[in-house]
């Protein structure tokens, strides 16, 4: 999944956990982000 952070950077990660209103994404550098569902987008690889 991907989303844009507050500074406009594109952040891509894998869903590690799902809560009632948010998802926790694990990023490749070991960092985690708690993100509301409405800002997440699927990554489509071609």
Protein backbone atom coordinates (compact mmCIF):
# COMPACT_ATOMS: atom_id res chain seq x y z
CA UNK A 1 0.00 0.00 0.00
CA UNK A 2 1.11 3.57 -0.49
CA UNK A 3 0.17 7.02 0.79
CA UNK A 4 1.54 10.58 0.83
CA UNK A 5 2.86 11.82 4.17
CA UNK A 6 2.32 15.37 5.48
CA UNK A 7 5.31 16.63 3.52
CA UNK A 8 3.98 15.17 0.27
CA UNK A 9 6.46 12.28 0.05
CA UNK A 10 5.22 8.97 -1.28
CA UNK A 11 5.53 6.22 1.38
CA UNK A 12 5.13 2.57 0.42
CA UNK A 13 4.83 -0.37 2.79
CA UNK A 14 3.08 -3.59 3.72
CA UNK A 15 0.09 -3.79 6.05
CA UNK A 16 1.30 -5.30 9.31
CA UNK A 17 -1.87 -4.87 11.36
CA UNK A 18 -5.45 -3.67 10.87
CA UNK A 19 -7.34 -1.73 13.52
CA UNK A 20 -10.93 -0.51 13.39
CA UNK A 21 -10.12 2.84 11.69
CA UNK A 22 -6.43 2.59 10.77
CA UNK A 23 -3.84 0.24 9.34
CA UNK A 24 -0.28 -0.08 10.56
CA UNK A 25 2.19 -0.21 7.69
CA UNK A 26 5.67 -1.64 7.94
CA UNK A 27 8.16 0.30 5.82
CA UNK A 28 11.35 -1.24 4.38
CA UNK A 29 13.63 0.66 6.78
CA UNK A 30 11.90 -0.91 9.83
CA UNK A 31 9.74 2.11 10.58
CA UNK A 32 5.97 1.75 11.14
CA UNK A 33 3.19 4.21 10.30
CA UNK A 34 -0.40 4.26 11.59
CA UNK A 35 -2.49 5.42 8.63
CA UNK A 36 -6.26 5.93 8.22
CA UNK A 37 -7.82 3.77 5.52
CA UNK A 38 -9.06 6.72 3.44
CA UNK A 39 -5.52 7.86 2.57
CA UNK A 40 -4.20 4.44 1.51
CA UNK A 41 -3.85 3.45 -2.14
CA UNK A 42 -3.00 0.10 -3.69
CA UNK A 43 0.28 -0.29 -5.53
CA UNK A 44 -0.20 -1.81 -8.95
CA UNK A 45 2.96 -3.25 -10.46
CA UNK A 46 3.12 -3.61 -14.22
